[in-house]
Amino acid sequence: MPDTAFPAAAGHSPRVLILGSMPGVASLQAQEYYAHPRNAFWSILHALGMPVFDGHGERLPYAQRLQALTDNGMALWDVVHRCERPGSLDSAIVSASVEPNDFNAFFHQHRSLRTVVFNGAAAEQLFHRHALPAIDLGVLPPRLLRLPSTSPANARLSVAEKIAAWSVLQNA
C-alpha cells in the first residue's frame, strides 16, 4: 500500500517553503513532520531562533512547533504526495509510483513565496523530475535552494555544520 504525505503546513503569507521528499516511517506513525528523534530539523530551527523547545530541552507540542514555523514566514511540505517505499530511505522510493503534490495550485495560492528550500538532494531531484514539469513557471518562486538533509542518514555532516548551512534561512 502506498504511503501518503501530510498536508502542507503554511500560514497566510509564507516567504519560504521547506520541502522534504516524503515522510519517513517514524513521521508517518506519529503523523508529524520530522518526528524521528535523531532528525535534526527541529533542533536546527531552534538554533536559528525559533521557539521549538521548552526551557528543559523538551520539544514543544507539535502544533506549537508548526505555529512557530508559520509565524516565522515558513511553510512545510513534501515533494511526494504518494509513493511506494519500503522503509524510510529516499533511495527506496519506487520512482514509477511517485505522485507529486500539486505545487502549481500551492504556488498560485501562496504568491508571497520567494524561496523554495529542499531538505536534501533527494527532495530536489524528486521535485525537478516529478513536480516541476507540471508547474506554471510564472508562479514558481524565484529562488530554489538545496540545503543538506537534516536526516540522521546524512551523517557526513555534524549538526553544527547543518546549522551553519541552514542559517541562510535567517535572511530568506
N, C-alpha and C. Protein backbone atom coordinates (compact mmCIF):
# COMPACT_ATOMS: atom_id res chain seq x y z
N MET A 1 0.85 -1.18 0.00
CA MET A 1 0.00 0.00 0.00
C MET A 1 0.89 1.24 0.00
N PRO A 2 0.59 2.20 -0.84
CA PRO A 2 1.44 3.40 -0.92
C PRO A 2 1.34 4.26 0.34
N ASP A 3 2.44 4.93 0.65
CA ASP A 3 2.45 5.92 1.72
C ASP A 3 1.89 7.23 1.17
N THR A 4 1.18 7.97 2.03
CA THR A 4 0.62 9.26 1.64
C THR A 4 1.17 10.33 2.57
N ALA A 5 1.61 11.43 1.99
CA ALA A 5 2.22 12.53 2.75
C ALA A 5 1.16 13.34 3.49
N PHE A 6 1.64 14.29 4.26
CA PHE A 6 0.79 15.18 5.05
C PHE A 6 0.39 16.40 4.22
N PRO A 7 -0.65 17.10 4.66
CA PRO A 7 -0.96 18.37 4.01
C PRO A 7 0.14 19.39 4.31
N ALA A 8 0.20 20.40 3.49
CA ALA A 8 1.17 21.47 3.72
C ALA A 8 0.85 22.20 5.02
N ALA A 9 1.89 22.63 5.70
CA ALA A 9 1.74 23.50 6.87
C ALA A 9 2.17 24.88 6.42
N ALA A 10 1.20 25.76 6.24
CA ALA A 10 1.51 27.09 5.71
C ALA A 10 0.60 28.12 6.33
N GLY A 11 1.16 29.27 6.65
CA GLY A 11 0.37 30.39 7.13
C GLY A 11 -0.20 31.15 5.93
N HIS A 12 -0.60 32.39 6.18
CA HIS A 12 -1.24 33.18 5.12
C HIS A 12 -0.27 33.71 4.08
N SER A 13 0.91 34.12 4.49
CA SER A 13 1.85 34.73 3.55
C SER A 13 3.28 34.21 3.74
N PRO A 14 3.49 32.93 3.49
CA PRO A 14 4.84 32.39 3.69
C PRO A 14 5.81 32.97 2.66
N ARG A 15 7.04 33.14 3.10
CA ARG A 15 8.11 33.59 2.21
C ARG A 15 9.00 32.43 1.77
N VAL A 16 9.06 31.40 2.61
CA VAL A 16 9.93 30.25 2.37
C VAL A 16 9.12 28.97 2.47
N LEU A 17 9.31 28.09 1.50
CA LEU A 17 8.71 26.76 1.54
C LEU A 17 9.84 25.76 1.71
N ILE A 18 9.80 24.98 2.79
CA ILE A 18 10.78 23.93 3.03
C ILE A 18 10.17 22.61 2.57
N LEU A 19 10.87 21.95 1.65
CA LEU A 19 10.36 20.70 1.08
C LEU A 19 11.23 19.52 1.45
N GLY A 20 10.61 18.52 2.05
CA GLY A 20 11.25 17.23 2.22
C GLY A 20 10.86 16.36 1.03
N SER A 21 11.30 15.13 1.04
CA SER A 21 10.95 14.22 -0.04
C SER A 21 9.60 13.57 0.25
N MET A 22 9.57 12.78 1.33
CA MET A 22 8.38 12.03 1.75
C MET A 22 8.60 11.69 3.22
N PRO A 23 7.59 11.80 4.08
CA PRO A 23 7.80 11.46 5.49
C PRO A 23 8.29 10.03 5.68
N GLY A 24 9.21 9.85 6.62
CA GLY A 24 9.70 8.53 6.95
C GLY A 24 8.72 7.78 7.83
N VAL A 25 9.07 6.55 8.15
CA VAL A 25 8.19 5.68 8.93
C VAL A 25 7.83 6.32 10.28
N ALA A 26 8.81 6.86 11.01
CA ALA A 26 8.54 7.46 12.32
C ALA A 26 7.57 8.64 12.19
N SER A 27 7.74 9.45 11.15
CA SER A 27 6.85 10.59 10.94
C SER A 27 5.45 10.14 10.56
N LEU A 28 5.37 9.14 9.69
CA LEU A 28 4.05 8.63 9.30
C LEU A 28 3.31 8.05 10.50
N GLN A 29 4.03 7.32 11.36
CA GLN A 29 3.40 6.74 12.54
C GLN A 29 2.94 7.83 13.52
N ALA A 30 3.75 8.86 13.70
CA ALA A 30 3.41 9.95 14.63
C ALA A 30 2.48 10.98 14.00
N GLN A 31 2.35 10.95 12.66
CA GLN A 31 1.59 11.95 11.92
C GLN A 31 2.13 13.35 12.20
N GLU A 32 3.46 13.45 12.17
CA GLU A 32 4.16 14.72 12.39
C GLU A 32 5.36 14.80 11.45
N TYR A 33 5.57 15.97 10.89
CA TYR A 33 6.78 16.20 10.11
C TYR A 33 8.01 16.03 11.00
N TYR A 34 9.02 15.36 10.49
CA TYR A 34 10.33 15.23 11.14
C TYR A 34 10.22 14.70 12.57
N ALA A 35 9.50 13.60 12.73
CA ALA A 35 9.26 13.03 14.06
C ALA A 35 10.39 12.13 14.55
N HIS A 36 11.24 11.67 13.65
CA HIS A 36 12.34 10.79 14.10
C HIS A 36 13.19 11.56 15.11
N PRO A 37 13.45 11.00 16.28
CA PRO A 37 14.17 11.74 17.33
C PRO A 37 15.58 12.17 16.94
N ARG A 38 16.20 11.49 15.97
CA ARG A 38 17.55 11.89 15.56
C ARG A 38 17.56 12.81 14.35
N ASN A 39 16.39 13.11 13.79
CA ASN A 39 16.35 14.08 12.69
C ASN A 39 16.61 15.45 13.29
N ALA A 40 17.54 16.20 12.71
CA ALA A 40 17.97 17.48 13.28
C ALA A 40 17.10 18.65 12.88
N PHE A 41 16.02 18.44 12.13
CA PHE A 41 15.22 19.55 11.61
C PHE A 41 14.78 20.53 12.70
N TRP A 42 14.11 20.03 13.73
CA TRP A 42 13.58 20.93 14.76
C TRP A 42 14.71 21.55 15.58
N SER A 43 15.78 20.82 15.80
CA SER A 43 16.93 21.38 16.53
C SER A 43 17.58 22.51 15.74
N ILE A 44 17.65 22.34 14.43
CA ILE A 44 18.23 23.39 13.58
C ILE A 44 17.36 24.64 13.64
N LEU A 45 16.05 24.48 13.53
CA LEU A 45 15.17 25.65 13.60
C LEU A 45 15.30 26.34 14.95
N HIS A 46 15.43 25.57 16.00
CA HIS A 46 15.61 26.15 17.33
C HIS A 46 16.93 26.93 17.39
N ALA A 47 17.98 26.37 16.84
CA ALA A 47 19.27 27.06 16.82
C ALA A 47 19.21 28.36 16.02
N LEU A 48 18.29 28.42 15.07
CA LEU A 48 18.12 29.63 14.25
C LEU A 48 17.16 30.63 14.89
N GLY A 49 16.71 30.33 16.12
CA GLY A 49 15.91 31.29 16.87
C GLY A 49 14.43 31.01 16.98
N MET A 50 13.97 29.89 16.45
CA MET A 50 12.55 29.56 16.58
C MET A 50 12.31 28.81 17.88
N PRO A 51 11.26 29.18 18.59
CA PRO A 51 10.97 28.51 19.87
C PRO A 51 10.31 27.15 19.66
N VAL A 52 11.13 26.10 19.53
CA VAL A 52 10.56 24.77 19.34
C VAL A 52 10.87 23.83 20.51
N PHE A 53 11.66 24.31 21.48
CA PHE A 53 11.95 23.54 22.69
C PHE A 53 11.58 24.38 23.90
N ASP A 54 11.20 23.71 24.99
CA ASP A 54 10.93 24.43 26.23
C ASP A 54 12.25 24.67 26.97
N GLY A 55 12.20 25.25 28.11
CA GLY A 55 13.39 25.56 28.88
C GLY A 55 14.14 24.36 29.41
N HIS A 56 13.58 23.17 29.26
CA HIS A 56 14.21 21.95 29.77
C HIS A 56 14.73 21.07 28.64
N GLY A 57 14.76 21.60 27.43
CA GLY A 57 15.27 20.84 26.30
C GLY A 57 14.28 19.88 25.68
N GLU A 58 13.03 19.92 26.13
CA GLU A 58 11.99 19.05 25.56
C GLU A 58 11.32 19.77 24.39
N ARG A 59 11.00 19.00 23.36
CA ARG A 59 10.28 19.59 22.23
C ARG A 59 8.92 20.10 22.68
N LEU A 60 8.55 21.26 22.18
CA LEU A 60 7.20 21.76 22.42
C LEU A 60 6.22 20.85 21.68
N PRO A 61 4.95 20.87 22.08
CA PRO A 61 3.97 20.09 21.32
C PRO A 61 4.02 20.44 19.83
N TYR A 62 3.73 19.45 19.03
CA TYR A 62 3.86 19.58 17.57
C TYR A 62 3.11 20.81 17.03
N ALA A 63 1.90 21.03 17.48
CA ALA A 63 1.13 22.17 16.99
C ALA A 63 1.84 23.49 17.27
N GLN A 64 2.50 23.61 18.41
CA GLN A 64 3.23 24.83 18.74
C GLN A 64 4.47 24.98 17.86
N ARG A 65 5.14 23.87 17.54
CA ARG A 65 6.30 23.94 16.65
C ARG A 65 5.87 24.39 15.25
N LEU A 66 4.77 23.84 14.76
CA LEU A 66 4.28 24.26 13.45
C LEU A 66 3.88 25.73 13.46
N GLN A 67 3.27 26.16 14.57
CA GLN A 67 2.88 27.57 14.68
C GLN A 67 4.11 28.48 14.66
N ALA A 68 5.17 28.09 15.36
CA ALA A 68 6.42 28.87 15.34
C ALA A 68 6.97 28.96 13.93
N LEU A 69 6.91 27.87 13.21
CA LEU A 69 7.40 27.83 11.84
C LEU A 69 6.61 28.79 10.95
N THR A 70 5.28 28.69 11.00
CA THR A 70 4.47 29.55 10.13
C THR A 70 4.51 31.00 10.59
N ASP A 71 4.64 31.25 11.89
CA ASP A 71 4.77 32.62 12.39
C ASP A 71 6.05 33.28 11.88
N ASN A 72 7.04 32.46 11.53
CA ASN A 72 8.30 32.97 11.01
C ASN A 72 8.33 32.98 9.48
N GLY A 73 7.16 32.94 8.86
CA GLY A 73 7.06 33.09 7.41
C GLY A 73 7.49 31.87 6.61
N MET A 74 7.44 30.70 7.25
CA MET A 74 7.84 29.49 6.56
C MET A 74 6.66 28.54 6.40
N ALA A 75 6.75 27.74 5.37
CA ALA A 75 5.77 26.68 5.12
C ALA A 75 6.55 25.38 5.01
N LEU A 76 5.86 24.28 5.26
CA LEU A 76 6.50 22.97 5.29
C LEU A 76 5.64 22.00 4.50
N TRP A 77 6.30 21.23 3.62
CA TRP A 77 5.58 20.26 2.82
C TRP A 77 6.57 19.23 2.30
N ASP A 78 6.10 18.30 1.52
CA ASP A 78 6.95 17.31 0.88
C ASP A 78 6.69 17.32 -0.61
N VAL A 79 7.69 16.92 -1.37
CA VAL A 79 7.55 16.86 -2.82
C VAL A 79 6.54 15.79 -3.21
N VAL A 80 6.65 14.63 -2.57
CA VAL A 80 5.84 13.48 -2.95
C VAL A 80 4.54 13.45 -2.15
N HIS A 81 3.44 13.33 -2.85
CA HIS A 81 2.14 13.17 -2.20
C HIS A 81 1.91 11.71 -1.83
N ARG A 82 2.24 10.81 -2.77
CA ARG A 82 2.03 9.39 -2.55
C ARG A 82 3.10 8.61 -3.32
N CYS A 83 3.56 7.53 -2.69
CA CYS A 83 4.53 6.66 -3.36
C CYS A 83 4.62 5.33 -2.63
N GLU A 84 5.29 4.40 -3.27
CA GLU A 84 5.63 3.14 -2.64
C GLU A 84 7.08 3.24 -2.20
N ARG A 85 7.31 2.88 -0.93
CA ARG A 85 8.67 2.92 -0.40
C ARG A 85 8.76 2.00 0.81
N PRO A 86 9.52 0.92 0.67
CA PRO A 86 9.75 0.09 1.85
C PRO A 86 10.75 0.80 2.77
N GLY A 87 10.37 1.03 4.01
CA GLY A 87 11.25 1.71 4.96
C GLY A 87 11.20 3.21 4.82
N SER A 88 12.28 3.87 5.23
CA SER A 88 12.30 5.34 5.28
C SER A 88 13.30 5.98 4.33
N LEU A 89 14.18 5.21 3.75
CA LEU A 89 15.23 5.81 2.92
C LEU A 89 14.67 6.35 1.62
N ASP A 90 15.13 7.55 1.26
CA ASP A 90 14.71 8.15 -0.01
C ASP A 90 15.11 7.28 -1.19
N SER A 91 16.23 6.60 -1.06
CA SER A 91 16.71 5.74 -2.15
C SER A 91 15.78 4.55 -2.40
N ALA A 92 14.88 4.26 -1.47
CA ALA A 92 13.94 3.14 -1.63
C ALA A 92 12.63 3.56 -2.27
N ILE A 93 12.45 4.85 -2.55
CA ILE A 93 11.22 5.31 -3.21
C ILE A 93 11.18 4.71 -4.61
N VAL A 94 10.07 4.06 -4.93
CA VAL A 94 9.89 3.48 -6.25
C VAL A 94 9.48 4.61 -7.20
N SER A 95 10.40 4.98 -8.07
CA SER A 95 10.21 6.16 -8.93
C SER A 95 8.91 6.11 -9.73
N ALA A 96 8.58 4.96 -10.26
CA ALA A 96 7.36 4.83 -11.07
C ALA A 96 6.09 5.04 -10.26
N SER A 97 6.18 4.96 -8.93
CA SER A 97 5.00 5.11 -8.09
C SER A 97 4.79 6.54 -7.59
N VAL A 98 5.71 7.44 -7.87
CA VAL A 98 5.67 8.80 -7.31
C VAL A 98 4.53 9.62 -7.91
N GLU A 99 3.71 10.15 -7.01
CA GLU A 99 2.70 11.15 -7.36
C GLU A 99 3.09 12.41 -6.61
N PRO A 100 3.48 13.47 -7.32
CA PRO A 100 3.89 14.69 -6.62
C PRO A 100 2.69 15.45 -6.06
N ASN A 101 2.97 16.29 -5.07
CA ASN A 101 1.95 17.21 -4.58
C ASN A 101 1.65 18.24 -5.67
N ASP A 102 0.53 18.94 -5.53
CA ASP A 102 0.10 19.91 -6.54
C ASP A 102 0.75 21.27 -6.24
N PHE A 103 1.96 21.42 -6.73
CA PHE A 103 2.69 22.67 -6.49
C PHE A 103 2.14 23.82 -7.31
N ASN A 104 1.59 23.54 -8.46
CA ASN A 104 1.02 24.62 -9.26
C ASN A 104 -0.06 25.34 -8.46
N ALA A 105 -0.98 24.59 -7.87
CA ALA A 105 -2.04 25.20 -7.06
C ALA A 105 -1.46 25.89 -5.82
N PHE A 106 -0.49 25.24 -5.17
CA PHE A 106 0.11 25.81 -3.97
C PHE A 106 0.80 27.14 -4.28
N PHE A 107 1.58 27.19 -5.36
CA PHE A 107 2.28 28.43 -5.71
C PHE A 107 1.31 29.51 -6.15
N HIS A 108 0.23 29.14 -6.82
CA HIS A 108 -0.80 30.15 -7.16
C HIS A 108 -1.43 30.72 -5.89
N GLN A 109 -1.67 29.87 -4.91
CA GLN A 109 -2.31 30.31 -3.66
C GLN A 109 -1.37 31.11 -2.77
N HIS A 110 -0.07 30.85 -2.85
CA HIS A 110 0.92 31.48 -1.96
C HIS A 110 1.92 32.29 -2.78
N ARG A 111 1.44 33.37 -3.38
CA ARG A 111 2.27 34.23 -4.23
C ARG A 111 3.35 34.97 -3.44
N SER A 112 3.26 34.93 -2.12
CA SER A 112 4.26 35.59 -1.27
C SER A 112 5.58 34.81 -1.21
N LEU A 113 5.58 33.57 -1.66
CA LEU A 113 6.79 32.74 -1.60
C LEU A 113 7.91 33.33 -2.44
N ARG A 114 9.10 33.37 -1.86
CA ARG A 114 10.29 33.87 -2.55
C ARG A 114 11.36 32.80 -2.70
N THR A 115 11.31 31.79 -1.80
CA THR A 115 12.35 30.78 -1.79
C THR A 115 11.75 29.41 -1.53
N VAL A 116 12.20 28.44 -2.30
CA VAL A 116 11.89 27.04 -2.04
C VAL A 116 13.19 26.39 -1.59
N VAL A 117 13.17 25.81 -0.39
CA VAL A 117 14.33 25.14 0.18
C VAL A 117 14.09 23.63 0.14
N PHE A 118 15.05 22.92 -0.45
CA PHE A 118 14.98 21.47 -0.49
C PHE A 118 15.79 20.92 0.67
N ASN A 119 15.14 20.10 1.50
CA ASN A 119 15.82 19.46 2.62
C ASN A 119 16.54 18.22 2.07
N GLY A 120 17.67 18.46 1.41
CA GLY A 120 18.48 17.39 0.86
C GLY A 120 18.35 17.22 -0.64
N ALA A 121 19.29 16.47 -1.19
CA ALA A 121 19.36 16.26 -2.63
C ALA A 121 18.17 15.47 -3.17
N ALA A 122 17.69 14.50 -2.42
CA ALA A 122 16.57 13.68 -2.91
C ALA A 122 15.33 14.53 -3.13
N ALA A 123 15.04 15.44 -2.20
CA ALA A 123 13.87 16.31 -2.37
C ALA A 123 14.02 17.15 -3.64
N GLU A 124 15.21 17.68 -3.84
CA GLU A 124 15.45 18.50 -5.04
C GLU A 124 15.29 17.67 -6.31
N GLN A 125 15.86 16.50 -6.34
CA GLN A 125 15.78 15.64 -7.53
C GLN A 125 14.35 15.21 -7.82
N LEU A 126 13.62 14.82 -6.78
CA LEU A 126 12.22 14.43 -6.96
C LEU A 126 11.39 15.61 -7.47
N PHE A 127 11.65 16.80 -6.96
CA PHE A 127 10.92 18.00 -7.40
C PHE A 127 11.16 18.25 -8.89
N HIS A 128 12.42 18.24 -9.29
CA HIS A 128 12.75 18.53 -10.69
C HIS A 128 12.21 17.45 -11.63
N ARG A 129 12.23 16.21 -11.19
CA ARG A 129 11.79 15.10 -12.05
C ARG A 129 10.28 14.98 -12.11
N HIS A 130 9.60 15.11 -10.95
CA HIS A 130 8.18 14.77 -10.90
C HIS A 130 7.23 15.96 -10.77
N ALA A 131 7.68 17.06 -10.19
CA ALA A 131 6.76 18.18 -9.94
C ALA A 131 6.94 19.33 -10.92
N LEU A 132 8.18 19.70 -11.17
CA LEU A 132 8.45 20.88 -12.00
C LEU A 132 7.78 20.86 -13.37
N PRO A 133 7.72 19.72 -14.07
CA PRO A 133 7.09 19.73 -15.39
C PRO A 133 5.62 20.19 -15.38
N ALA A 134 4.93 20.08 -14.25
CA ALA A 134 3.51 20.46 -14.18
C ALA A 134 3.29 21.86 -13.62
N ILE A 135 4.36 22.60 -13.34
CA ILE A 135 4.23 23.92 -12.70
C ILE A 135 4.28 25.02 -13.75
N ASP A 136 3.33 25.95 -13.62
CA ASP A 136 3.33 27.17 -14.43
C ASP A 136 4.53 27.99 -13.96
N LEU A 137 5.53 28.14 -14.81
CA LEU A 137 6.78 28.80 -14.39
C LEU A 137 6.55 30.25 -13.95
N GLY A 138 5.43 30.84 -14.32
CA GLY A 138 5.12 32.20 -13.88
C GLY A 138 4.83 32.31 -12.40
N VAL A 139 4.53 31.20 -11.74
CA VAL A 139 4.25 31.23 -10.29
C VAL A 139 5.35 30.57 -9.48
N LEU A 140 6.36 30.04 -10.15
CA LEU A 140 7.47 29.40 -9.44
C LEU A 140 8.26 30.46 -8.68
N PRO A 141 8.46 30.28 -7.38
CA PRO A 141 9.26 31.26 -6.63
C PRO A 141 10.63 31.44 -7.27
N PRO A 142 11.20 32.66 -7.16
CA PRO A 142 12.44 32.95 -7.89
C PRO A 142 13.68 32.22 -7.40
N ARG A 143 13.69 31.75 -6.17
CA ARG A 143 14.91 31.13 -5.63
C ARG A 143 14.64 29.70 -5.21
N LEU A 144 15.41 28.76 -5.77
CA LEU A 144 15.37 27.35 -5.39
C LEU A 144 16.73 27.03 -4.78
N LEU A 145 16.71 26.48 -3.57
CA LEU A 145 17.94 26.30 -2.82
C LEU A 145 17.97 24.94 -2.15
N ARG A 146 19.02 24.16 -2.44
CA ARG A 146 19.18 22.87 -1.76
C ARG A 146 20.08 23.06 -0.55
N LEU A 147 19.60 22.56 0.60
CA LEU A 147 20.38 22.55 1.84
C LEU A 147 20.64 21.10 2.23
N PRO A 148 21.62 20.87 3.09
CA PRO A 148 21.90 19.49 3.49
C PRO A 148 20.73 18.87 4.23
N SER A 149 20.50 17.61 3.95
CA SER A 149 19.42 16.89 4.60
C SER A 149 19.61 16.88 6.12
N THR A 150 18.50 17.07 6.82
CA THR A 150 18.52 17.03 8.29
C THR A 150 18.38 15.61 8.81
N SER A 151 18.21 14.66 7.93
CA SER A 151 18.01 13.26 8.29
C SER A 151 19.23 12.67 9.00
N PRO A 152 19.00 11.74 9.92
CA PRO A 152 20.14 11.05 10.54
C PRO A 152 20.91 10.21 9.52
N ALA A 153 20.30 9.88 8.37
CA ALA A 153 21.01 9.15 7.32
C ALA A 153 22.12 9.99 6.70
N ASN A 154 22.01 11.32 6.82
CA ASN A 154 23.05 12.22 6.32
C ASN A 154 24.06 12.45 7.44
N ALA A 155 24.92 11.47 7.64
CA ALA A 155 25.87 11.50 8.74
C ALA A 155 27.21 12.13 8.36
N ARG A 156 27.36 12.54 7.11
CA ARG A 156 28.65 13.12 6.72
C ARG A 156 28.84 14.53 7.29
N LEU A 157 27.75 15.17 7.70
CA LEU A 157 27.83 16.49 8.32
C LEU A 157 27.38 16.41 9.76
N SER A 158 28.03 17.17 10.61
CA SER A 158 27.61 17.26 12.01
C SER A 158 26.38 18.17 12.09
N VAL A 159 25.69 18.13 13.21
CA VAL A 159 24.55 19.03 13.40
C VAL A 159 25.02 20.47 13.32
N ALA A 160 26.19 20.79 13.87
CA ALA A 160 26.72 22.16 13.81
C ALA A 160 26.94 22.60 12.36
N GLU A 161 27.42 21.70 11.52
CA GLU A 161 27.61 22.04 10.10
C GLU A 161 26.27 22.22 9.40
N LYS A 162 25.30 21.42 9.77
CA LYS A 162 23.97 21.57 9.19
C LYS A 162 23.36 22.90 9.62
N ILE A 163 23.51 23.27 10.89
CA ILE A 163 23.00 24.56 11.37
C ILE A 163 23.64 25.70 10.59
N ALA A 164 24.96 25.63 10.38
CA ALA A 164 25.65 26.69 9.63
C ALA A 164 25.08 26.81 8.22
N ALA A 165 24.84 25.69 7.55
CA ALA A 165 24.28 25.72 6.20
C ALA A 165 22.86 26.27 6.19
N TRP A 166 22.06 25.82 7.16
CA TRP A 166 20.65 26.24 7.22
C TRP A 166 20.49 27.68 7.71
N SER A 167 21.55 28.30 8.18
CA SER A 167 21.45 29.69 8.66
C SER A 167 21.06 30.66 7.56
N VAL A 168 21.14 30.24 6.29
CA VAL A 168 20.69 31.11 5.20
C VAL A 168 19.20 31.44 5.34
N LEU A 169 18.46 30.63 6.09
CA LEU A 169 17.03 30.90 6.29
C LEU A 169 16.81 32.19 7.08
N GLN A 170 17.79 32.61 7.86
CA GLN A 170 17.63 33.82 8.64
C GLN A 170 17.53 35.06 7.76
N ASN A 171 18.00 34.96 6.53
CA ASN A 171 17.94 36.09 5.60
C ASN A 171 16.91 35.88 4.49
N ALA A 172 16.20 34.78 4.54
CA ALA A 172 15.27 34.46 3.43
C ALA A 172 13.94 35.16 3.60
